[in-house]
């Protein structure tokens, strides 16, 4: 098995009011599909981390950190995210490497 590289994609809503006024029913359904997609990547061992900032102004963004065998594979993973594919989120891909990682269980939901 070849070594996989880390990548990060940054996502932002294409309609910022989705965060302040709430999502439309269609956006809500697509964001649900987005979450299911990320859960599937996690189950496959592809996803390392996903989350978003909690601010609701236009600077709000989410990140998805994951493994892929190539930039082309990483781009396909990003572009197949339902929120990206259906235009609810815009995304930007970056090669990435985690330098430090705290493995203690301090995450709260």
N, C-alpha and C. Protein backbone atom coordinates (compact mmCIF):
# COMPACT_ATOMS: atom_id res chain seq x y z
N UNK A 1 0.85 -1.19 0.00
CA UNK A 1 0.00 0.00 0.00
C UNK A 1 0.89 1.24 0.00
N UNK A 2 0.63 2.18 -0.88
CA UNK A 2 1.45 3.38 -0.96
C UNK A 2 1.06 4.36 0.14
N UNK A 3 2.01 5.16 0.53
CA UNK A 3 1.79 6.16 1.57
C UNK A 3 0.88 7.26 1.04
N UNK A 4 -0.09 7.64 1.82
CA UNK A 4 -1.02 8.70 1.43
C UNK A 4 -0.59 10.02 2.06
N UNK A 5 -0.86 11.09 1.36
CA UNK A 5 -0.54 12.43 1.84
C UNK A 5 -1.77 13.05 2.51
N UNK A 6 -1.51 14.07 3.30
CA UNK A 6 -2.60 14.81 3.94
C UNK A 6 -2.98 16.00 3.06
N UNK A 7 -4.27 16.28 3.04
CA UNK A 7 -4.80 17.43 2.33
C UNK A 7 -5.84 18.10 3.22
N UNK A 8 -6.12 19.34 2.91
CA UNK A 8 -7.13 20.11 3.62
C UNK A 8 -7.98 20.82 2.57
N UNK A 9 -9.30 20.77 2.77
CA UNK A 9 -10.10 21.70 1.98
C UNK A 9 -10.89 22.60 2.91
N UNK A 10 -10.91 23.85 2.50
CA UNK A 10 -11.58 24.90 3.24
C UNK A 10 -12.90 25.17 2.53
N UNK A 11 -13.99 25.18 3.29
CA UNK A 11 -15.29 25.43 2.69
C UNK A 11 -15.95 26.64 3.33
N UNK A 12 -16.72 27.34 2.51
CA UNK A 12 -17.51 28.48 2.97
C UNK A 12 -18.86 28.44 2.29
N UNK A 13 -19.89 28.85 2.98
CA UNK A 13 -21.21 28.90 2.35
C UNK A 13 -21.21 29.85 1.17
N UNK A 14 -21.88 29.47 0.10
CA UNK A 14 -22.01 30.37 -1.05
C UNK A 14 -23.07 31.44 -0.76
N UNK A 15 -23.93 31.16 0.19
CA UNK A 15 -24.94 32.14 0.63
C UNK A 15 -24.71 32.38 2.12
N UNK A 16 -23.94 33.41 2.49
CA UNK A 16 -23.61 33.64 3.90
C UNK A 16 -24.82 33.77 4.81
N UNK A 17 -25.95 34.23 4.29
CA UNK A 17 -27.16 34.36 5.12
C UNK A 17 -27.64 33.00 5.63
N UNK A 18 -27.15 31.93 5.04
CA UNK A 18 -27.49 30.60 5.54
C UNK A 18 -27.11 30.48 7.02
N UNK A 19 -26.04 31.17 7.43
CA UNK A 19 -25.57 31.09 8.81
C UNK A 19 -26.31 32.05 9.74
N UNK A 20 -26.83 33.14 9.21
CA UNK A 20 -27.51 34.12 10.06
C UNK A 20 -29.02 33.97 10.04
N UNK A 21 -29.57 33.73 8.86
CA UNK A 21 -31.02 33.62 8.72
C UNK A 21 -31.49 32.17 8.77
N UNK A 22 -30.55 31.24 8.66
CA UNK A 22 -30.88 29.83 8.63
C UNK A 22 -30.90 29.29 7.21
N UNK A 23 -30.71 27.99 7.09
CA UNK A 23 -30.70 27.38 5.75
C UNK A 23 -32.11 27.23 5.19
N UNK A 24 -32.19 27.24 3.88
CA UNK A 24 -33.44 26.88 3.22
C UNK A 24 -33.64 25.38 3.42
N UNK A 25 -34.82 24.86 3.19
CA UNK A 25 -35.00 23.41 3.30
C UNK A 25 -34.04 22.63 2.39
N UNK A 26 -33.80 23.15 1.17
CA UNK A 26 -32.88 22.48 0.26
C UNK A 26 -31.45 22.51 0.80
N UNK A 27 -31.01 23.67 1.30
CA UNK A 27 -29.67 23.77 1.89
C UNK A 27 -29.53 22.85 3.08
N UNK A 28 -30.55 22.79 3.91
CA UNK A 28 -30.53 21.93 5.09
C UNK A 28 -30.35 20.47 4.69
N UNK A 29 -31.06 20.04 3.67
CA UNK A 29 -30.94 18.65 3.19
C UNK A 29 -29.54 18.40 2.65
N UNK A 30 -28.99 19.35 1.91
CA UNK A 30 -27.66 19.18 1.32
C UNK A 30 -26.59 19.17 2.40
N UNK A 31 -26.73 20.02 3.42
CA UNK A 31 -25.77 20.01 4.53
C UNK A 31 -25.84 18.67 5.27
N UNK A 32 -27.01 18.09 5.36
CA UNK A 32 -27.14 16.74 5.95
C UNK A 32 -26.40 15.71 5.12
N UNK A 33 -26.50 15.81 3.80
CA UNK A 33 -25.76 14.90 2.91
C UNK A 33 -24.25 15.12 3.05
N UNK A 34 -23.85 16.37 3.21
CA UNK A 34 -22.44 16.73 3.43
C UNK A 34 -21.92 16.02 4.69
N UNK A 35 -22.69 16.10 5.77
CA UNK A 35 -22.28 15.47 7.03
C UNK A 35 -22.20 13.95 6.87
N UNK A 36 -23.18 13.36 6.20
CA UNK A 36 -23.16 11.91 5.94
C UNK A 36 -21.94 11.53 5.11
N UNK A 37 -21.59 12.34 4.13
CA UNK A 37 -20.42 12.10 3.28
C UNK A 37 -19.16 12.09 4.13
N UNK A 38 -19.04 13.08 5.01
CA UNK A 38 -17.85 13.14 5.87
C UNK A 38 -17.81 11.95 6.83
N UNK A 39 -18.95 11.54 7.34
CA UNK A 39 -18.98 10.35 8.20
C UNK A 39 -18.53 9.12 7.42
N UNK A 40 -18.92 9.02 6.16
CA UNK A 40 -18.48 7.90 5.33
C UNK A 40 -16.98 7.91 5.12
N UNK A 41 -16.41 9.10 4.89
CA UNK A 41 -14.95 9.21 4.75
C UNK A 41 -14.25 8.81 6.05
N UNK A 42 -14.84 9.17 7.18
CA UNK A 42 -14.28 8.79 8.47
C UNK A 42 -14.30 7.27 8.63
N UNK A 43 -15.41 6.65 8.28
CA UNK A 43 -15.54 5.20 8.40
C UNK A 43 -14.53 4.46 7.51
N UNK A 44 -14.18 5.07 6.37
CA UNK A 44 -13.20 4.47 5.45
C UNK A 44 -11.76 4.70 5.89
N UNK A 45 -11.55 5.53 6.91
CA UNK A 45 -10.20 5.86 7.34
C UNK A 45 -9.56 6.96 6.51
N UNK A 46 -10.36 7.68 5.72
CA UNK A 46 -9.85 8.75 4.88
C UNK A 46 -9.84 10.09 5.61
N UNK A 47 -10.86 10.36 6.39
CA UNK A 47 -11.02 11.64 7.08
C UNK A 47 -10.28 11.63 8.41
N UNK A 48 -9.52 12.68 8.65
CA UNK A 48 -8.84 12.86 9.94
C UNK A 48 -9.64 13.77 10.86
N UNK A 49 -10.15 14.87 10.29
CA UNK A 49 -10.78 15.90 11.11
C UNK A 49 -11.68 16.75 10.22
N UNK A 50 -12.80 17.16 10.76
CA UNK A 50 -13.67 18.11 10.06
C UNK A 50 -14.33 18.98 11.10
N UNK A 51 -14.51 20.24 10.79
CA UNK A 51 -15.17 21.16 11.71
C UNK A 51 -15.31 22.52 11.09
N UNK A 52 -15.92 23.43 11.85
CA UNK A 52 -16.15 24.79 11.34
C UNK A 52 -15.97 25.80 12.45
N UNK A 53 -15.74 27.02 12.02
CA UNK A 53 -15.70 28.12 12.97
C UNK A 53 -17.13 28.37 13.44
N UNK A 54 -17.28 28.96 14.61
CA UNK A 54 -18.62 29.17 15.16
C UNK A 54 -19.16 30.57 14.91
N UNK A 55 -18.35 31.43 14.29
CA UNK A 55 -18.87 32.75 13.95
C UNK A 55 -19.83 32.63 12.77
N UNK A 56 -20.71 33.61 12.65
CA UNK A 56 -21.72 33.55 11.59
C UNK A 56 -21.59 34.69 10.59
N UNK A 57 -20.47 35.41 10.63
CA UNK A 57 -20.26 36.46 9.64
C UNK A 57 -19.64 35.85 8.39
N UNK A 58 -19.46 36.64 7.32
CA UNK A 58 -18.95 36.07 6.06
C UNK A 58 -17.56 35.45 6.14
N UNK A 59 -16.82 35.69 7.23
CA UNK A 59 -15.50 35.06 7.36
C UNK A 59 -15.57 33.62 7.87
N UNK A 60 -16.75 33.15 8.24
CA UNK A 60 -16.91 31.78 8.74
C UNK A 60 -16.45 30.77 7.70
N UNK A 61 -15.83 29.68 8.17
CA UNK A 61 -15.39 28.63 7.26
C UNK A 61 -15.30 27.31 7.98
N UNK A 62 -15.25 26.25 7.21
CA UNK A 62 -15.02 24.91 7.73
C UNK A 62 -13.76 24.35 7.12
N UNK A 63 -13.20 23.33 7.78
CA UNK A 63 -12.05 22.63 7.22
C UNK A 63 -12.30 21.13 7.27
N UNK A 64 -11.73 20.46 6.29
CA UNK A 64 -11.77 19.01 6.22
C UNK A 64 -10.32 18.58 5.98
N UNK A 65 -9.76 17.82 6.90
CA UNK A 65 -8.39 17.31 6.76
C UNK A 65 -8.50 15.80 6.53
N UNK A 66 -7.83 15.33 5.47
CA UNK A 66 -8.01 13.95 5.06
C UNK A 66 -6.77 13.42 4.34
N UNK A 67 -6.76 12.12 4.11
CA UNK A 67 -5.69 11.45 3.38
C UNK A 67 -6.12 11.18 1.94
N UNK A 68 -5.17 11.31 1.02
CA UNK A 68 -5.41 10.95 -0.38
C UNK A 68 -4.09 10.55 -1.00
N UNK A 69 -4.16 9.72 -2.02
CA UNK A 69 -2.96 9.23 -2.69
C UNK A 69 -2.33 10.21 -3.65
N UNK A 70 -3.08 11.21 -4.07
CA UNK A 70 -2.57 12.21 -5.02
C UNK A 70 -3.43 13.45 -4.93
N UNK A 71 -2.95 14.53 -5.54
CA UNK A 71 -3.74 15.74 -5.56
C UNK A 71 -5.03 15.53 -6.37
N UNK A 72 -4.95 14.76 -7.43
CA UNK A 72 -6.14 14.48 -8.23
C UNK A 72 -7.19 13.72 -7.40
N UNK A 73 -6.74 12.75 -6.62
CA UNK A 73 -7.66 12.01 -5.75
C UNK A 73 -8.25 12.94 -4.69
N UNK A 74 -7.42 13.80 -4.13
CA UNK A 74 -7.89 14.75 -3.12
C UNK A 74 -8.94 15.70 -3.71
N UNK A 75 -8.67 16.18 -4.91
CA UNK A 75 -9.62 17.09 -5.57
C UNK A 75 -10.95 16.37 -5.82
N UNK A 76 -10.89 15.11 -6.21
CA UNK A 76 -12.12 14.35 -6.45
C UNK A 76 -12.91 14.18 -5.15
N UNK A 77 -12.21 13.93 -4.05
CA UNK A 77 -12.90 13.81 -2.75
C UNK A 77 -13.59 15.13 -2.42
N UNK A 78 -12.89 16.24 -2.58
CA UNK A 78 -13.47 17.55 -2.29
C UNK A 78 -14.67 17.83 -3.22
N UNK A 79 -14.49 17.60 -4.50
CA UNK A 79 -15.54 17.92 -5.46
C UNK A 79 -16.75 17.01 -5.34
N UNK A 80 -16.59 15.83 -4.74
CA UNK A 80 -17.72 14.92 -4.54
C UNK A 80 -18.47 15.18 -3.24
N UNK A 81 -17.97 16.09 -2.43
CA UNK A 81 -18.70 16.50 -1.23
C UNK A 81 -20.03 17.09 -1.71
N UNK A 82 -21.16 16.57 -1.25
CA UNK A 82 -22.45 17.05 -1.75
C UNK A 82 -22.65 18.56 -1.61
N UNK A 83 -22.13 19.16 -0.55
CA UNK A 83 -22.29 20.61 -0.37
C UNK A 83 -21.52 21.38 -1.43
N UNK A 84 -20.38 20.85 -1.85
CA UNK A 84 -19.58 21.48 -2.90
C UNK A 84 -20.21 21.19 -4.27
N UNK A 85 -20.51 19.92 -4.50
CA UNK A 85 -21.06 19.50 -5.79
C UNK A 85 -22.38 20.21 -6.11
N UNK A 86 -23.19 20.47 -5.07
CA UNK A 86 -24.50 21.08 -5.29
C UNK A 86 -24.50 22.59 -5.05
N UNK A 87 -23.31 23.17 -4.86
CA UNK A 87 -23.18 24.62 -4.83
C UNK A 87 -23.57 25.32 -3.54
N UNK A 88 -23.79 24.58 -2.46
CA UNK A 88 -24.11 25.21 -1.18
C UNK A 88 -22.84 25.76 -0.53
N UNK A 89 -21.71 25.13 -0.82
CA UNK A 89 -20.41 25.56 -0.30
C UNK A 89 -19.43 25.69 -1.46
N UNK A 90 -18.53 26.65 -1.34
CA UNK A 90 -17.39 26.72 -2.26
C UNK A 90 -16.20 26.15 -1.50
N UNK A 91 -15.28 25.55 -2.21
CA UNK A 91 -14.17 24.87 -1.56
C UNK A 91 -12.85 25.20 -2.24
N UNK A 92 -11.80 25.13 -1.44
CA UNK A 92 -10.44 25.38 -1.92
C UNK A 92 -9.55 24.29 -1.31
N UNK A 93 -8.75 23.64 -2.16
CA UNK A 93 -7.92 22.52 -1.75
C UNK A 93 -6.48 22.96 -1.49
N UNK A 94 -5.88 22.38 -0.45
CA UNK A 94 -4.48 22.67 -0.10
C UNK A 94 -3.77 21.38 0.28
N UNK A 95 -2.52 21.18 -0.18
CA UNK A 95 -1.71 20.12 0.41
C UNK A 95 -1.46 20.53 1.86
N UNK A 96 -1.37 19.57 2.75
CA UNK A 96 -1.33 19.91 4.17
C UNK A 96 -0.50 18.87 4.92
N UNK A 97 0.06 19.27 6.03
CA UNK A 97 0.74 18.31 6.91
C UNK A 97 0.55 18.75 8.34
N UNK A 98 0.01 17.88 9.16
CA UNK A 98 -0.13 18.16 10.59
C UNK A 98 1.27 18.07 11.20
N UNK A 99 1.66 19.11 11.93
CA UNK A 99 2.97 19.12 12.58
C UNK A 99 2.87 18.69 14.04
N UNK A 100 1.80 19.07 14.71
CA UNK A 100 1.58 18.71 16.10
C UNK A 100 0.13 18.27 16.27
N UNK A 101 -0.09 17.25 17.08
CA UNK A 101 -1.43 16.76 17.31
C UNK A 101 -1.56 16.32 18.75
N UNK A 102 -2.51 16.88 19.46
CA UNK A 102 -2.77 16.51 20.84
C UNK A 102 -3.78 15.38 20.83
N UNK A 103 -3.39 14.24 21.31
CA UNK A 103 -4.27 13.07 21.31
C UNK A 103 -5.10 12.93 22.58
N UNK A 104 -5.07 13.93 23.47
CA UNK A 104 -5.90 13.84 24.67
C UNK A 104 -7.35 14.06 24.29
N UNK A 105 -8.24 13.54 25.11
CA UNK A 105 -9.67 13.64 24.82
C UNK A 105 -10.25 14.88 25.48
N UNK A 106 -10.03 16.05 24.85
CA UNK A 106 -10.52 17.31 25.38
C UNK A 106 -11.59 17.94 24.49
N UNK A 107 -11.97 17.26 23.44
CA UNK A 107 -12.95 17.83 22.50
C UNK A 107 -14.33 17.77 23.12
N UNK A 108 -15.05 18.88 23.00
CA UNK A 108 -16.43 18.93 23.49
C UNK A 108 -17.34 19.26 22.32
N UNK A 109 -18.53 18.74 22.35
CA UNK A 109 -19.48 18.97 21.24
C UNK A 109 -20.34 20.05 21.56
